[in-house]
Amino acid sequence: MKNRLPVALLAYLVIAGCLSPRPWWERELNAWVGADAQELESVWGPPTRTIIGDSGRPVLVYESHSQIDPRQDTLRDPGRMVATDAPAPTRGVEDLDCMMYFELENDQVVDTRYDGAGCKVIPRPGVSPRS
């Protein structure tokens, strides 16, 4: 019985991690898998830089910077109920930085990832990230 508790806890953490909400821009980035490098660069422009990934393959790196006002984002949230109370004081504008990585193999995107928040992702024309 003692050995079951750690296993059950580990299983719960794995399942909870898989079910956690992911930002919308992750789906938009993943839609670029399968695109060739020329298509990517024609839409996104030249990358900020190119690095060699852990796999030894080239990775195109794009950066974005966003500023958000949490007060406005709260008002735009369609899932939030309208409250009659005055809004709580919040911080002012927040700066968000995002790095987006497109790993290439034979000049084709084989993997994408991001680091940061507020990513400004350019959707892939003609490809729906929800499909």
C-alpha atoms as a PDB file:
ATOM      1  CA  MET A   1       0.000   0.000   0.000  1.00  0.00           C
ATOM      2  CA  LYS A   2       2.868   2.393   0.774  1.00  0.00           C
ATOM      3  CA  ASN A   3       4.235   2.075  -2.778  1.00  0.00           C
ATOM      4  CA  ARG A   4       0.894   2.911  -4.402  1.00  0.00           C
ATOM      5  CA  LEU A   5       0.652   6.441  -3.042  1.00  0.00           C
ATOM      6  CA  PRO A   6       3.782   7.792  -4.832  1.00  0.00           C
ATOM      7  CA  VAL A   7       2.724   6.065  -8.057  1.00  0.00           C
ATOM      8  CA  ALA A   8      -0.800   7.500  -7.808  1.00  0.00           C
ATOM      9  CA  LEU A   9       0.583  10.963  -7.087  1.00  0.00           C
ATOM     10  CA  LEU A  10       2.942  10.763 -10.055  1.00  0.00           C
ATOM     11  CA  ALA A  11       0.111   9.609 -12.333  1.00  0.00           C
ATOM     12  CA  TYR A  12      -2.063  12.502 -11.155  1.00  0.00           C
ATOM     13  CA  LEU A  13       0.697  15.044 -11.838  1.00  0.00           C
ATOM     14  CA  VAL A  14       1.307  13.654 -15.331  1.00  0.00           C
ATOM     15  CA  ILE A  15      -2.398  13.725 -16.197  1.00  0.00           C
ATOM     16  CA  ALA A  16      -2.858  17.208 -14.734  1.00  0.00           C
ATOM     17  CA  GLY A  17       0.099  18.474 -16.758  1.00  0.00           C
ATOM     18  CA  CYS A  18      -1.338  17.035 -19.960  1.00  0.00           C
ATOM     19  CA  LEU A  19      -4.733  18.630 -19.350  1.00  0.00           C
ATOM     20  CA  SER A  20      -3.450  22.072 -18.442  1.00  0.00           C
ATOM     21  CA  PRO A  21      -4.538  24.783 -20.863  1.00  0.00           C
ATOM     22  CA  ARG A  22      -2.025  25.760 -23.476  1.00  0.00           C
ATOM     23  CA  PRO A  23      -1.770  29.224 -24.989  1.00  0.00           C
ATOM     24  CA  TRP A  24      -3.427  29.761 -28.365  1.00  0.00           C
ATOM     25  CA  TRP A  25      -0.118  30.651 -29.974  1.00  0.00           C
ATOM     26  CA  GLU A  26       1.173  27.109 -29.403  1.00  0.00           C
ATOM     27  CA  ARG A  27      -1.453  25.784 -31.846  1.00  0.00           C
ATOM     28  CA  GLU A  28      -0.558  28.545 -34.310  1.00  0.00           C
ATOM     29  CA  LEU A  29       3.143  27.650 -34.103  1.00  0.00           C
ATOM     30  CA  ASN A  30       2.469  23.938 -34.539  1.00  0.00           C
ATOM     31  CA  ALA A  31       0.578  24.702 -37.754  1.00  0.00           C
ATOM     32  CA  TRP A  32       3.972  25.602 -39.280  1.00  0.00           C
ATOM     33  CA  VAL A  33       5.293  22.029 -38.947  1.00  0.00           C
ATOM     34  CA  GLY A  34       5.624  20.719 -42.500  1.00  0.00           C
ATOM     35  CA  ALA A  35       6.184  24.137 -44.084  1.00  0.00           C
ATOM     36  CA  ASP A  36       9.355  24.663 -46.050  1.00  0.00           C
ATOM     37  CA  ALA A  37      11.849  27.273 -44.927  1.00  0.00           C
ATOM     38  CA  GLN A  38      11.092  29.466 -47.941  1.00  0.00           C
ATOM     39  CA  GLU A  39       7.375  29.621 -47.050  1.00  0.00           C
ATOM     40  CA  LEU A  40       8.222  30.437 -43.435  1.00  0.00           C
ATOM     41  CA  GLU A  41      10.613  33.243 -44.368  1.00  0.00           C
ATOM     42  CA  SER A  42       8.269  34.659 -47.019  1.00  0.00           C
ATOM     43  CA  VAL A  43       5.580  35.134 -44.320  1.00  0.00           C
ATOM     44  CA  TRP A  44       7.689  35.878 -41.228  1.00  0.00           C
ATOM     45  CA  GLY A  45      10.597  37.636 -42.916  1.00  0.00           C
ATOM     46  CA  PRO A  46      14.218  36.893 -42.100  1.00  0.00           C
ATOM     47  CA  PRO A  47      14.796  35.313 -38.681  1.00  0.00           C
ATOM     48  CA  THR A  48      16.382  37.279 -35.860  1.00  0.00           C
ATOM     49  CA  ARG A  49      19.131  34.681 -35.931  1.00  0.00           C
ATOM     50  CA  THR A  50      19.813  31.064 -36.845  1.00  0.00           C
ATOM     51  CA  ILE A  51      21.283  28.643 -34.327  1.00  0.00           C
ATOM     52  CA  ILE A  52      22.161  24.971 -34.276  1.00  0.00           C
ATOM     53  CA  GLY A  53      19.789  22.990 -32.053  1.00  0.00           C
ATOM     54  CA  ASP A  54      20.635  20.128 -29.703  1.00  0.00           C
ATOM     55  CA  SER A  55      19.799  17.727 -32.537  1.00  0.00           C
ATOM     56  CA  GLY A  56      22.432  19.354 -34.756  1.00  0.00           C
ATOM     57  CA  ARG A  57      19.762  20.775 -37.071  1.00  0.00           C
ATOM     58  CA  PRO A  58      19.399  24.479 -37.911  1.00  0.00           C
ATOM     59  CA  VAL A  59      16.817  26.448 -35.926  1.00  0.00           C
ATOM     60  CA  LEU A  60      15.353  29.742 -37.120  1.00  0.00           C
ATOM     61  CA  VAL A  61      14.738  32.074 -34.169  1.00  0.00           C
ATOM     62  CA  TYR A  62      12.135  34.834 -34.158  1.00  0.00           C
ATOM     63  CA  GLU A  63      11.517  37.265 -31.296  1.00  0.00           C
ATOM     64  CA  SER A  64       8.454  39.249 -30.361  1.00  0.00           C
ATOM     65  CA  HIS A  65       7.728  41.875 -27.753  1.00  0.00           C
ATOM     66  CA  SER A  66       4.235  42.698 -26.492  1.00  0.00           C
ATOM     67  CA  GLN A  67       2.821  45.185 -24.056  1.00  0.00           C
ATOM     68  CA  ILE A  68      -0.472  44.390 -22.361  1.00  0.00           C
ATOM     69  CA  ASP A  69      -2.656  46.243 -19.937  1.00  0.00           C
ATOM     70  CA  PRO A  70      -4.132  43.630 -17.544  1.00  0.00           C
ATOM     71  CA  ARG A  71      -7.138  45.867 -16.886  1.00  0.00           C
ATOM     72  CA  GLN A  72      -8.139  45.807 -20.552  1.00  0.00           C
ATOM     73  CA  ASP A  73      -7.459  42.089 -20.909  1.00  0.00           C
ATOM     74  CA  THR A  74      -9.780  41.401 -17.949  1.00  0.00           C
ATOM     75  CA  LEU A  75     -12.521  43.395 -19.638  1.00  0.00           C
ATOM     76  CA  ARG A  76     -12.061  41.521 -22.918  1.00  0.00           C
ATOM     77  CA  ASP A  77     -12.186  38.054 -21.341  1.00  0.00           C
ATOM     78  CA  PRO A  78     -15.477  36.568 -22.636  1.00  0.00           C
ATOM     79  CA  GLY A  79     -15.578  33.942 -19.869  1.00  0.00           C
ATOM     80  CA  ARG A  80     -15.516  36.469 -17.056  1.00  0.00           C
ATOM     81  CA  MET A  81     -18.758  37.538 -15.425  1.00  0.00           C
ATOM     82  CA  VAL A  82     -19.550  41.235 -15.276  1.00  0.00           C
ATOM     83  CA  ALA A  83     -19.128  42.439 -11.700  1.00  0.00           C
ATOM     84  CA  THR A  84     -20.804  45.385 -10.029  1.00  0.00           C
ATOM     85  CA  ASP A  85     -17.811  45.947  -7.749  1.00  0.00           C
ATOM     86  CA  ALA A  86     -15.131  48.440  -8.691  1.00  0.00           C
ATOM     87  CA  PRO A  87     -12.113  46.723 -10.239  1.00  0.00           C
ATOM     88  CA  ALA A  88      -9.209  46.004  -7.936  1.00  0.00           C
ATOM     89  CA  PRO A  89      -6.100  48.100  -8.516  1.00  0.00           C
ATOM     90  CA  THR A  90      -3.659  46.403 -10.854  1.00  0.00           C
ATOM     91  CA  ARG A  91      -0.214  47.029 -12.160  1.00  0.00           C
ATOM     92  CA  GLY A  92       0.133  49.114 -15.260  1.00  0.00           C
ATOM     93  CA  VAL A  93       1.302  47.911 -18.606  1.00  0.00           C
ATOM     94  CA  GLU A  94       3.307  44.668 -18.608  1.00  0.00           C
ATOM     95  CA  ASP A  95       6.115  43.896 -21.045  1.00  0.00           C
ATOM     96  CA  LEU A  96       6.169  40.363 -22.461  1.00  0.00           C
ATOM     97  CA  ASP A  97       8.944  38.822 -24.509  1.00  0.00           C
ATOM     98  CA  CYS A  98       8.740  35.649 -26.563  1.00  0.00           C
ATOM     99  CA  MET A  99      11.295  33.622 -28.491  1.00  0.00           C
ATOM    100  CA  MET A 100       9.925  31.280 -31.173  1.00  0.00           C
ATOM    101  CA  TYR A 101      12.011  28.461 -32.587  1.00  0.00           C
ATOM    102  CA  PHE A 102      11.488  26.654 -35.911  1.00  0.00           C
ATOM    103  CA  GLU A 103      13.699  23.578 -36.271  1.00  0.00           C
ATOM    104  CA  LEU A 104      14.521  22.587 -39.841  1.00  0.00           C
ATOM    105  CA  GLU A 105      15.464  19.329 -41.511  1.00  0.00           C
ATOM    106  CA  ASN A 106      16.059  19.314 -45.264  1.00  0.00           C
ATOM    107  CA  ASP A 107      14.738  22.914 -45.394  1.00  0.00           C
ATOM    108  CA  GLN A 108      11.405  21.871 -43.841  1.00  0.00           C
ATOM    109  CA  VAL A 109      10.020  22.791 -40.397  1.00  0.00           C
ATOM    110  CA  VAL A 110      10.003  19.619 -38.288  1.00  0.00           C
ATOM    111  CA  ASP A 111       9.480  21.099 -34.823  1.00  0.00           C
ATOM    112  CA  THR A 112       8.445  24.353 -33.176  1.00  0.00           C
ATOM    113  CA  ARG A 113       8.663  25.653 -29.642  1.00  0.00           C
ATOM    114  CA  TYR A 114       8.528  28.928 -27.786  1.00  0.00           C
ATOM    115  CA  ASP A 115       9.929  30.466 -24.641  1.00  0.00           C
ATOM    116  CA  GLY A 116       8.146  33.355 -22.977  1.00  0.00           C
ATOM    117  CA  ALA A 117       4.658  34.814 -23.143  1.00  0.00           C
ATOM    118  CA  GLY A 118       2.651  37.134 -25.324  1.00  0.00           C
ATOM    119  CA  CYS A 119       3.976  35.515 -28.498  1.00  0.00           C
ATOM    120  CA  LYS A 120       3.057  37.334 -31.703  1.00  0.00           C
ATOM    121  CA  VAL A 121       2.586  34.354 -34.010  1.00  0.00           C
ATOM    122  CA  ILE A 122       1.842  34.831 -37.686  1.00  0.00           C
ATOM    123  CA  PRO A 123      -0.733  32.218 -38.761  1.00  0.00           C
ATOM    124  CA  ARG A 124       0.240  29.918 -41.620  1.00  0.00           C
ATOM    125  CA  PRO A 125      -1.864  30.904 -44.629  1.00  0.00           C
ATOM    126  CA  GLY A 126      -4.395  28.281 -45.653  1.00  0.00           C
ATOM    127  CA  VAL A 127      -3.800  26.046 -42.622  1.00  0.00           C
ATOM    128  CA  SER A 128      -6.218  25.938 -39.708  1.00  0.00           C
ATOM    129  CA  PRO A 129      -4.468  25.203 -36.399  1.00  0.00           C
ATOM    130  CA  ARG A 130      -7.671  23.659 -35.070  1.00  0.00           C
ATOM    131  CA  SER A 131      -7.759  20.891 -37.653  1.00  0.00           C
END
